N, C-alpha and C. Protein backbone atom coordinates (compact mmCIF):
# COMPACT_ATOMS: atom_id res chain seq x y z
N THR A 1 1.41 21.16 -28.58
CA THR A 1 2.23 20.65 -27.52
C THR A 1 2.41 21.72 -26.43
N MET A 2 2.25 21.37 -25.19
CA MET A 2 2.42 22.25 -24.05
C MET A 2 3.50 21.68 -23.10
N ASP A 3 4.51 22.31 -22.88
CA ASP A 3 5.48 21.84 -21.85
C ASP A 3 5.43 22.81 -20.73
N HIS A 4 5.29 22.34 -19.51
CA HIS A 4 5.19 23.12 -18.39
C HIS A 4 6.11 22.58 -17.38
N LEU A 5 7.05 23.57 -16.92
CA LEU A 5 7.94 23.11 -15.80
C LEU A 5 7.84 24.22 -14.69
N SER A 6 7.87 23.74 -13.51
CA SER A 6 7.77 24.63 -12.45
C SER A 6 8.82 24.31 -11.35
N LEU A 7 9.30 25.34 -10.71
CA LEU A 7 10.27 25.13 -9.61
C LEU A 7 9.80 25.95 -8.39
N ILE A 8 9.64 25.33 -7.31
CA ILE A 8 9.24 25.86 -6.01
C ILE A 8 10.42 25.59 -5.01
N ALA A 9 10.92 26.76 -4.54
CA ALA A 9 12.04 26.53 -3.54
C ALA A 9 11.72 27.32 -2.17
N THR A 10 11.77 26.65 -0.97
CA THR A 10 11.58 27.42 0.10
C THR A 10 12.86 27.54 0.88
N PRO A 11 13.17 28.92 1.37
CA PRO A 11 14.40 29.15 2.07
C PRO A 11 14.17 28.81 3.56
N THR A 12 15.24 29.01 4.35
CA THR A 12 15.06 28.72 5.85
C THR A 12 14.36 29.90 6.35
N GLU A 13 13.93 29.73 7.64
CA GLU A 13 13.33 30.89 8.28
C GLU A 13 14.37 32.01 8.66
N ARG A 14 15.66 31.72 8.52
CA ARG A 14 16.59 32.85 8.72
C ARG A 14 16.84 33.64 7.34
N SER A 15 16.37 33.10 6.37
CA SER A 15 16.58 33.82 5.02
C SER A 15 16.04 35.21 4.98
N ALA A 16 16.70 36.00 4.11
CA ALA A 16 16.14 37.30 3.84
C ALA A 16 14.93 37.31 3.24
N LEU A 17 14.72 36.29 2.47
CA LEU A 17 13.47 36.04 1.65
C LEU A 17 12.24 35.74 2.49
N ALA A 18 12.42 35.45 3.71
CA ALA A 18 11.20 34.93 4.50
C ALA A 18 10.84 36.10 5.30
N ALA A 19 9.57 36.37 5.12
CA ALA A 19 8.80 37.46 5.93
C ALA A 19 8.67 37.06 7.38
N ALA A 20 8.37 35.69 7.55
CA ALA A 20 8.09 35.23 8.91
C ALA A 20 8.45 33.75 8.88
N PRO A 21 8.72 33.19 10.13
CA PRO A 21 9.10 31.82 10.09
C PRO A 21 7.92 31.01 9.47
N GLY A 22 8.36 29.95 8.82
CA GLY A 22 7.35 29.09 8.23
C GLY A 22 6.75 29.60 6.91
N ILE A 23 7.57 29.65 5.92
CA ILE A 23 7.16 30.07 4.66
C ILE A 23 6.52 28.87 3.90
N THR A 24 5.35 29.30 3.10
CA THR A 24 4.66 28.29 2.33
C THR A 24 4.54 28.79 0.91
N HIS A 25 5.05 27.92 -0.09
CA HIS A 25 5.02 28.26 -1.56
C HIS A 25 4.01 27.33 -2.05
N GLU A 26 3.07 27.84 -2.88
CA GLU A 26 2.00 27.06 -3.41
C GLU A 26 1.82 27.22 -4.88
N LEU A 27 1.76 26.15 -5.75
CA LEU A 27 1.52 26.27 -7.07
C LEU A 27 0.45 25.37 -7.48
N ARG A 28 -0.59 25.96 -8.02
CA ARG A 28 -1.84 25.24 -8.54
C ARG A 28 -1.83 25.49 -10.10
N THR A 29 -1.94 24.38 -10.85
CA THR A 29 -2.11 24.47 -12.25
C THR A 29 -3.44 23.77 -12.75
N LYS A 30 -3.76 24.19 -13.83
CA LYS A 30 -4.85 23.49 -14.52
C LYS A 30 -4.75 23.67 -16.00
N ALA A 31 -4.68 22.50 -16.70
CA ALA A 31 -4.61 22.46 -18.14
C ALA A 31 -5.89 21.66 -18.73
N ARG A 32 -6.50 22.08 -19.70
CA ARG A 32 -7.63 21.53 -20.32
C ARG A 32 -7.33 21.19 -21.77
N LEU A 33 -7.40 19.91 -22.05
CA LEU A 33 -7.04 19.55 -23.44
C LEU A 33 -8.35 19.02 -24.06
N ASN A 34 -8.77 19.75 -25.24
CA ASN A 34 -10.03 19.45 -25.76
C ASN A 34 -9.99 19.35 -27.31
N HIS A 35 -8.88 18.91 -27.74
CA HIS A 35 -8.73 18.74 -29.26
C HIS A 35 -7.95 17.39 -29.56
N PRO A 36 -8.18 16.77 -30.63
CA PRO A 36 -7.46 15.55 -30.90
C PRO A 36 -5.88 15.71 -31.12
N GLY A 37 -5.22 14.74 -30.62
CA GLY A 37 -3.84 14.96 -30.77
C GLY A 37 -3.06 15.78 -29.87
N ALA A 38 -3.66 16.13 -28.91
CA ALA A 38 -2.99 17.20 -27.86
C ALA A 38 -1.95 16.43 -27.10
N GLU A 39 -1.03 17.45 -26.75
CA GLU A 39 0.21 16.90 -25.83
C GLU A 39 0.49 17.84 -24.82
N ILE A 40 0.68 17.33 -23.54
CA ILE A 40 1.31 18.14 -22.55
C ILE A 40 2.30 17.35 -21.61
N SER A 41 3.30 17.92 -21.30
CA SER A 41 4.33 17.42 -20.43
C SER A 41 4.47 18.42 -19.24
N GLN A 42 4.08 18.10 -18.13
CA GLN A 42 4.25 18.96 -16.98
C GLN A 42 5.08 18.44 -15.87
N VAL A 43 6.15 19.17 -15.46
CA VAL A 43 7.06 18.70 -14.41
C VAL A 43 7.09 19.88 -13.35
N ALA A 44 6.89 19.51 -12.21
CA ALA A 44 7.00 20.37 -10.90
C ALA A 44 8.00 19.95 -10.12
N LYS A 45 8.97 20.78 -9.74
CA LYS A 45 10.04 20.41 -8.93
C LYS A 45 10.10 21.36 -7.69
N MET A 46 10.23 20.71 -6.48
CA MET A 46 10.11 21.42 -5.15
C MET A 46 11.45 21.10 -4.36
N VAL A 47 11.84 22.21 -3.61
CA VAL A 47 13.05 22.00 -2.73
C VAL A 47 12.52 22.70 -1.46
N ALA A 48 12.42 22.06 -0.38
CA ALA A 48 11.89 22.65 0.93
C ALA A 48 13.07 22.49 1.90
N SER A 49 13.39 23.69 2.53
CA SER A 49 14.40 23.72 3.63
C SER A 49 14.03 24.54 4.66
N GLY A 50 14.31 24.23 5.89
CA GLY A 50 13.94 25.01 7.00
C GLY A 50 12.93 24.30 7.86
N SER A 51 12.84 24.48 9.08
CA SER A 51 12.00 23.70 10.11
C SER A 51 10.67 23.87 9.81
N ALA A 52 10.07 24.91 9.21
CA ALA A 52 8.74 25.03 8.89
C ALA A 52 8.40 25.35 7.50
N SER A 53 9.28 25.11 6.61
CA SER A 53 9.03 25.41 5.15
C SER A 53 7.95 24.39 4.53
N HIS A 54 7.25 24.85 3.60
CA HIS A 54 6.18 24.00 3.13
C HIS A 54 5.83 24.29 1.68
N CYS A 55 6.05 23.35 0.78
CA CYS A 55 5.73 23.40 -0.64
C CYS A 55 4.42 22.69 -0.87
N ILE A 56 3.57 23.27 -1.73
CA ILE A 56 2.46 22.67 -2.22
C ILE A 56 2.29 22.62 -3.67
N PHE A 57 2.07 21.52 -4.35
CA PHE A 57 1.79 21.62 -5.70
C PHE A 57 0.48 20.74 -5.92
N ASP A 58 -0.47 21.47 -6.66
CA ASP A 58 -1.74 20.90 -7.01
C ASP A 58 -1.87 21.03 -8.49
N GLY A 59 -1.72 19.98 -9.27
CA GLY A 59 -1.67 20.17 -10.71
C GLY A 59 -2.79 19.28 -11.32
N ARG A 60 -3.60 19.91 -12.14
CA ARG A 60 -4.65 19.13 -12.76
C ARG A 60 -4.64 19.24 -14.16
N VAL A 61 -4.78 18.06 -14.98
CA VAL A 61 -4.85 17.92 -16.38
C VAL A 61 -6.19 17.34 -16.72
N ASP A 62 -7.08 18.06 -17.40
CA ASP A 62 -8.32 17.46 -17.88
C ASP A 62 -8.23 17.17 -19.40
N ILE A 63 -8.39 15.95 -19.61
CA ILE A 63 -8.53 15.42 -21.03
C ILE A 63 -9.88 15.25 -21.45
N GLU A 64 -10.41 16.07 -22.26
CA GLU A 64 -11.87 16.04 -22.56
C GLU A 64 -12.21 14.90 -23.64
N LYS A 65 -13.44 14.72 -23.71
CA LYS A 65 -13.90 13.53 -24.59
C LYS A 65 -13.33 13.61 -26.11
N GLU A 66 -13.39 14.97 -26.50
CA GLU A 66 -12.82 15.20 -27.88
C GLU A 66 -11.32 15.00 -28.01
N ALA A 67 -10.58 14.95 -26.93
CA ALA A 67 -9.09 14.83 -27.02
C ALA A 67 -8.60 13.47 -27.35
N GLN A 68 -9.10 12.77 -28.26
CA GLN A 68 -8.60 11.48 -28.51
C GLN A 68 -7.11 11.52 -29.14
N GLN A 69 -6.41 10.46 -28.81
CA GLN A 69 -5.10 10.37 -29.26
C GLN A 69 -4.17 11.40 -28.62
N THR A 70 -4.47 11.85 -27.33
CA THR A 70 -3.77 12.73 -26.54
C THR A 70 -2.59 12.06 -25.79
N ASP A 71 -1.44 12.73 -25.70
CA ASP A 71 -0.29 12.25 -24.90
C ASP A 71 -0.11 13.33 -23.77
N ALA A 72 -0.35 12.77 -22.67
CA ALA A 72 -0.34 13.68 -21.43
C ALA A 72 0.65 12.98 -20.38
N ALA A 73 1.57 13.86 -19.66
CA ALA A 73 2.55 13.41 -18.69
C ALA A 73 2.58 14.49 -17.71
N GLN A 74 2.57 13.97 -16.40
CA GLN A 74 2.65 14.90 -15.24
C GLN A 74 3.41 14.28 -14.18
N ILE A 75 4.32 15.13 -13.75
CA ILE A 75 5.26 14.47 -12.59
C ILE A 75 5.60 15.59 -11.62
N ALA A 76 5.52 15.28 -10.43
CA ALA A 76 5.93 16.18 -9.26
C ALA A 76 7.05 15.51 -8.59
N ARG A 77 8.15 16.28 -8.33
CA ARG A 77 9.40 15.65 -7.60
C ARG A 77 9.74 16.74 -6.59
N GLY A 78 10.12 16.18 -5.42
CA GLY A 78 10.45 17.10 -4.29
C GLY A 78 11.62 16.60 -3.49
N ILE A 79 12.42 17.53 -2.92
CA ILE A 79 13.49 17.26 -2.07
C ILE A 79 13.33 17.95 -0.82
N LEU A 80 13.33 17.19 0.32
CA LEU A 80 13.14 17.61 1.69
C LEU A 80 14.59 17.84 2.22
N MET A 81 14.98 18.97 2.49
CA MET A 81 16.33 19.42 2.95
C MET A 81 16.39 19.23 4.47
N THR A 82 15.33 19.29 5.26
CA THR A 82 15.44 19.22 6.76
C THR A 82 14.26 18.39 7.08
N ARG A 83 14.34 17.90 8.29
CA ARG A 83 13.37 16.89 8.84
C ARG A 83 11.91 17.43 8.93
N ARG A 84 11.87 18.86 9.34
CA ARG A 84 10.51 19.39 9.59
C ARG A 84 9.96 20.04 8.27
N ALA A 85 10.68 20.17 7.28
CA ALA A 85 10.20 20.74 6.05
C ALA A 85 9.12 19.75 5.47
N THR A 86 8.13 20.29 4.74
CA THR A 86 7.17 19.42 4.31
C THR A 86 6.91 19.79 2.74
N ILE A 87 6.42 18.74 1.98
CA ILE A 87 6.11 19.03 0.66
C ILE A 87 4.75 18.17 0.41
N ASN A 88 3.72 18.91 -0.14
CA ASN A 88 2.56 18.13 -0.41
C ASN A 88 2.32 18.24 -2.07
N ALA A 89 2.23 17.20 -2.66
CA ALA A 89 2.12 17.30 -4.14
C ALA A 89 0.90 16.34 -4.51
N ARG A 90 0.09 16.93 -5.47
CA ARG A 90 -1.02 16.16 -6.00
C ARG A 90 -1.13 16.32 -7.51
N PRO A 91 -0.38 15.41 -8.25
CA PRO A 91 -0.68 15.42 -9.59
C PRO A 91 -2.00 14.80 -9.89
N ASN A 92 -2.77 15.34 -10.93
CA ASN A 92 -4.15 14.73 -10.98
C ASN A 92 -4.55 14.85 -12.43
N LEU A 93 -4.74 13.70 -13.06
CA LEU A 93 -5.27 13.51 -14.42
C LEU A 93 -6.81 13.22 -14.36
N ARG A 94 -7.60 13.89 -15.16
CA ARG A 94 -9.06 13.67 -15.31
C ARG A 94 -9.24 13.28 -16.80
N ILE A 95 -9.50 12.04 -17.02
CA ILE A 95 -9.51 11.55 -18.44
C ILE A 95 -10.90 11.21 -18.84
N GLN A 96 -11.47 11.81 -19.85
CA GLN A 96 -12.79 11.56 -20.42
C GLN A 96 -12.73 10.79 -21.80
N ALA A 97 -11.52 10.84 -22.52
CA ALA A 97 -11.43 10.27 -23.73
C ALA A 97 -10.92 8.75 -23.54
N ASP A 98 -11.14 8.03 -24.72
CA ASP A 98 -10.83 6.61 -24.63
C ASP A 98 -9.45 6.26 -25.19
N ASP A 99 -8.98 7.08 -26.20
CA ASP A 99 -7.76 6.75 -26.78
C ASP A 99 -6.72 7.71 -26.42
N VAL A 100 -6.07 7.50 -25.21
CA VAL A 100 -5.00 8.40 -24.73
C VAL A 100 -3.83 7.60 -24.17
N ALA A 101 -2.72 8.34 -24.22
CA ALA A 101 -1.48 7.85 -23.29
C ALA A 101 -1.23 8.82 -22.38
N ALA A 102 -1.46 8.47 -21.07
CA ALA A 102 -1.40 9.35 -19.98
C ALA A 102 -0.66 8.77 -18.73
N SER A 103 0.15 9.60 -18.11
CA SER A 103 0.80 9.15 -16.83
C SER A 103 1.13 10.28 -15.86
N HIS A 104 1.04 9.91 -14.66
CA HIS A 104 1.40 11.05 -13.63
C HIS A 104 2.04 10.28 -12.53
N GLY A 105 2.79 10.98 -11.72
CA GLY A 105 3.47 10.44 -10.61
C GLY A 105 4.06 11.58 -9.67
N CYS A 106 4.62 11.07 -8.60
CA CYS A 106 5.18 11.97 -7.53
C CYS A 106 6.21 11.29 -6.73
N THR A 107 7.25 11.94 -6.55
CA THR A 107 8.37 11.43 -5.70
C THR A 107 8.86 12.46 -4.86
N ILE A 108 8.93 12.29 -3.49
CA ILE A 108 9.41 13.17 -2.54
C ILE A 108 10.37 12.51 -1.54
N ALA A 109 11.62 13.00 -1.50
CA ALA A 109 12.43 12.30 -0.65
C ALA A 109 13.66 13.34 -0.21
N ASP A 110 14.57 12.74 0.60
CA ASP A 110 15.82 13.52 0.82
C ASP A 110 16.73 13.10 -0.25
N LEU A 111 17.91 13.79 -0.22
CA LEU A 111 18.91 13.48 -1.23
C LEU A 111 19.40 12.01 -0.88
N GLU A 112 19.88 11.21 -1.86
CA GLU A 112 20.42 10.00 -1.62
C GLU A 112 21.62 9.88 -0.94
N GLU A 113 21.75 9.19 0.12
CA GLU A 113 22.94 9.17 0.94
C GLU A 113 24.09 8.44 0.22
N ASP A 114 23.78 7.53 -0.63
CA ASP A 114 24.87 6.88 -1.31
C ASP A 114 25.45 7.86 -2.35
N GLN A 115 24.74 8.71 -2.88
CA GLN A 115 25.32 9.74 -3.89
C GLN A 115 26.27 10.69 -3.02
N ILE A 116 25.74 11.02 -1.90
CA ILE A 116 26.66 11.97 -1.03
C ILE A 116 27.85 11.28 -0.62
N PHE A 117 27.69 9.96 -0.08
CA PHE A 117 28.90 9.20 0.21
C PHE A 117 29.85 9.06 -0.92
N TYR A 118 29.39 8.72 -2.18
CA TYR A 118 30.19 8.61 -3.31
C TYR A 118 31.08 9.92 -3.51
N MET A 119 30.35 11.12 -3.52
CA MET A 119 31.13 12.28 -3.69
C MET A 119 32.13 12.59 -2.55
N ALA A 120 31.75 12.22 -1.31
CA ALA A 120 32.62 12.40 -0.15
C ALA A 120 33.89 11.38 -0.40
N SER A 121 33.73 10.22 -0.92
CA SER A 121 34.82 9.29 -1.13
C SER A 121 35.73 9.96 -2.16
N ARG A 122 35.25 10.87 -2.88
CA ARG A 122 36.08 11.52 -3.94
C ARG A 122 36.74 12.91 -3.40
N GLY A 123 36.58 13.06 -2.06
CA GLY A 123 37.14 14.32 -1.46
C GLY A 123 36.13 15.55 -1.43
N ILE A 124 34.97 15.35 -1.83
CA ILE A 124 34.05 16.52 -1.84
C ILE A 124 33.35 16.52 -0.52
N GLU A 125 33.38 17.72 0.12
CA GLU A 125 32.64 17.92 1.33
C GLU A 125 31.19 17.76 1.38
N GLU A 126 30.53 17.19 2.40
CA GLU A 126 29.19 16.89 2.38
C GLU A 126 28.18 18.05 1.93
N LYS A 127 28.61 19.28 2.36
CA LYS A 127 27.63 20.46 2.06
C LYS A 127 27.86 20.74 0.50
N ASP A 128 29.05 20.66 0.00
CA ASP A 128 29.27 20.82 -1.38
C ASP A 128 28.57 19.73 -2.19
N ALA A 129 28.65 18.55 -1.85
CA ALA A 129 28.07 17.47 -2.46
C ALA A 129 26.57 17.63 -2.60
N ARG A 130 26.01 18.09 -1.49
CA ARG A 130 24.47 18.37 -1.27
C ARG A 130 24.11 19.56 -2.30
N ALA A 131 24.94 20.57 -2.44
CA ALA A 131 24.67 21.68 -3.23
C ALA A 131 24.74 21.24 -4.70
N VAL A 132 25.70 20.42 -5.00
CA VAL A 132 25.93 19.98 -6.48
C VAL A 132 24.58 19.12 -6.78
N LEU A 133 24.06 18.20 -5.90
CA LEU A 133 23.00 17.36 -6.31
C LEU A 133 21.82 18.15 -6.38
N ILE A 134 21.49 19.24 -5.53
CA ILE A 134 20.48 20.04 -5.65
C ILE A 134 20.42 20.80 -6.84
N GLY A 135 21.65 21.33 -7.22
CA GLY A 135 21.69 22.16 -8.52
C GLY A 135 21.36 21.18 -9.71
N SER A 136 21.79 20.00 -9.60
CA SER A 136 21.53 19.06 -10.81
C SER A 136 20.10 18.80 -10.92
N PHE A 137 19.45 18.61 -9.67
CA PHE A 137 18.01 18.39 -9.61
C PHE A 137 17.19 19.54 -10.22
N ILE A 138 17.70 20.76 -9.97
CA ILE A 138 16.92 21.96 -10.45
C ILE A 138 17.27 22.24 -11.96
N SER A 139 18.49 21.91 -12.26
CA SER A 139 18.82 22.16 -13.67
C SER A 139 18.00 21.67 -14.80
N GLU A 140 17.15 20.73 -14.55
CA GLU A 140 16.16 20.22 -15.63
C GLU A 140 15.30 21.37 -16.03
N ILE A 141 15.00 22.24 -15.21
CA ILE A 141 14.20 23.46 -15.36
C ILE A 141 14.93 24.64 -15.88
N THR A 142 16.02 24.99 -15.16
CA THR A 142 16.71 26.14 -15.55
C THR A 142 17.49 26.00 -16.88
N SER A 143 17.83 24.74 -17.20
CA SER A 143 18.54 24.63 -18.62
C SER A 143 17.60 24.88 -19.72
N LEU A 144 16.33 24.85 -19.49
CA LEU A 144 15.39 25.21 -20.69
C LEU A 144 15.48 26.76 -21.00
N LEU A 145 16.06 27.48 -20.15
CA LEU A 145 15.97 28.99 -20.34
C LEU A 145 17.27 29.41 -21.10
N ALA A 146 18.04 28.54 -21.70
CA ALA A 146 19.32 28.80 -22.40
C ALA A 146 18.99 29.76 -23.47
N ASP A 147 18.00 29.71 -24.25
CA ASP A 147 17.66 30.55 -25.48
C ASP A 147 17.27 31.97 -24.95
N PHE A 148 17.00 32.25 -23.77
CA PHE A 148 16.71 33.60 -23.26
C PHE A 148 17.74 34.07 -22.19
N PRO A 149 18.89 34.56 -22.56
CA PRO A 149 20.00 34.82 -21.79
C PRO A 149 19.67 35.73 -20.59
N LYS A 150 18.94 36.78 -20.84
CA LYS A 150 18.66 37.70 -19.67
C LYS A 150 17.75 36.94 -18.57
N LEU A 151 16.77 36.31 -19.00
CA LEU A 151 15.82 35.56 -18.15
C LEU A 151 16.69 34.40 -17.50
N SER A 152 17.47 33.74 -18.19
CA SER A 152 18.31 32.53 -17.67
C SER A 152 19.18 33.18 -16.59
N GLY A 153 19.78 34.27 -16.84
CA GLY A 153 20.69 34.89 -15.77
C GLY A 153 19.95 35.25 -14.51
N ARG A 154 18.83 35.75 -14.69
CA ARG A 154 17.97 36.27 -13.59
C ARG A 154 17.59 35.03 -12.63
N VAL A 155 17.11 34.05 -13.47
CA VAL A 155 16.64 32.79 -12.79
C VAL A 155 17.81 32.08 -12.05
N THR A 156 18.88 31.96 -12.80
CA THR A 156 19.96 31.25 -12.19
C THR A 156 20.54 31.96 -10.98
N GLN A 157 20.63 33.27 -11.04
CA GLN A 157 21.05 34.04 -9.97
C GLN A 157 20.12 33.89 -8.68
N SER A 158 18.67 33.84 -8.97
CA SER A 158 17.73 33.81 -7.91
C SER A 158 17.89 32.32 -7.21
N VAL A 159 18.05 31.36 -8.16
CA VAL A 159 18.23 29.93 -7.56
C VAL A 159 19.49 29.92 -6.75
N GLU A 160 20.58 30.45 -7.25
CA GLU A 160 21.78 30.18 -6.46
C GLU A 160 21.65 31.11 -5.08
N LYS A 161 20.98 32.23 -5.13
CA LYS A 161 20.81 32.95 -3.92
C LYS A 161 19.94 32.06 -3.05
N ALA A 162 18.88 31.61 -3.35
CA ALA A 162 18.03 30.77 -2.59
C ALA A 162 18.79 29.58 -1.89
N LEU A 163 19.61 29.00 -2.84
CA LEU A 163 20.21 27.72 -2.32
C LEU A 163 21.36 28.23 -1.27
N SER A 164 21.98 29.33 -1.48
CA SER A 164 23.03 29.80 -0.55
C SER A 164 22.37 30.10 0.79
N GLN A 165 21.05 30.27 0.79
CA GLN A 165 20.36 30.66 2.09
C GLN A 165 19.75 29.40 2.84
N CYS A 166 19.81 28.33 2.14
CA CYS A 166 19.20 26.96 2.63
C CYS A 166 20.06 26.29 3.56
N ASP A 167 19.39 25.51 4.42
CA ASP A 167 20.19 24.72 5.26
C ASP A 167 20.48 23.46 4.49
N ILE A 168 21.63 23.46 3.90
CA ILE A 168 21.96 22.18 3.11
C ILE A 168 22.66 21.21 3.88
């Protein structure tokens, strides 16, 4: 079994993390399954903020002919924080085997306005509501680090810093 989760976040061009306007973060993955009963679950999450921020995910899972009874799943999800931010995602399955369960997909959108409205109707300011929703979106990945307290602390701190510098 192979589980692969990835997080890509782009800060605004005003961020201390940006060397120049228009930062691009790119993640390319390739997994090759070549034995019976293989399993893979790959999730890539992207958050793009800033007028020229760009996230790219190009993931490929090859299921070879020998990999019968394989279970493969691949999903890419992205949140666009500003109108000019862009996300390109290409989850890609190449299946050579006959007996497999495989799925892949991609969703890229802004935050749901009805969720923001719901939180605002409970007295939560829009900026805070957006931060909570983004934190929840990212937590699928960061929560998996709970067994590694030092790493979890460093990643959580980095994510919080990046979010504090985003145009939310």
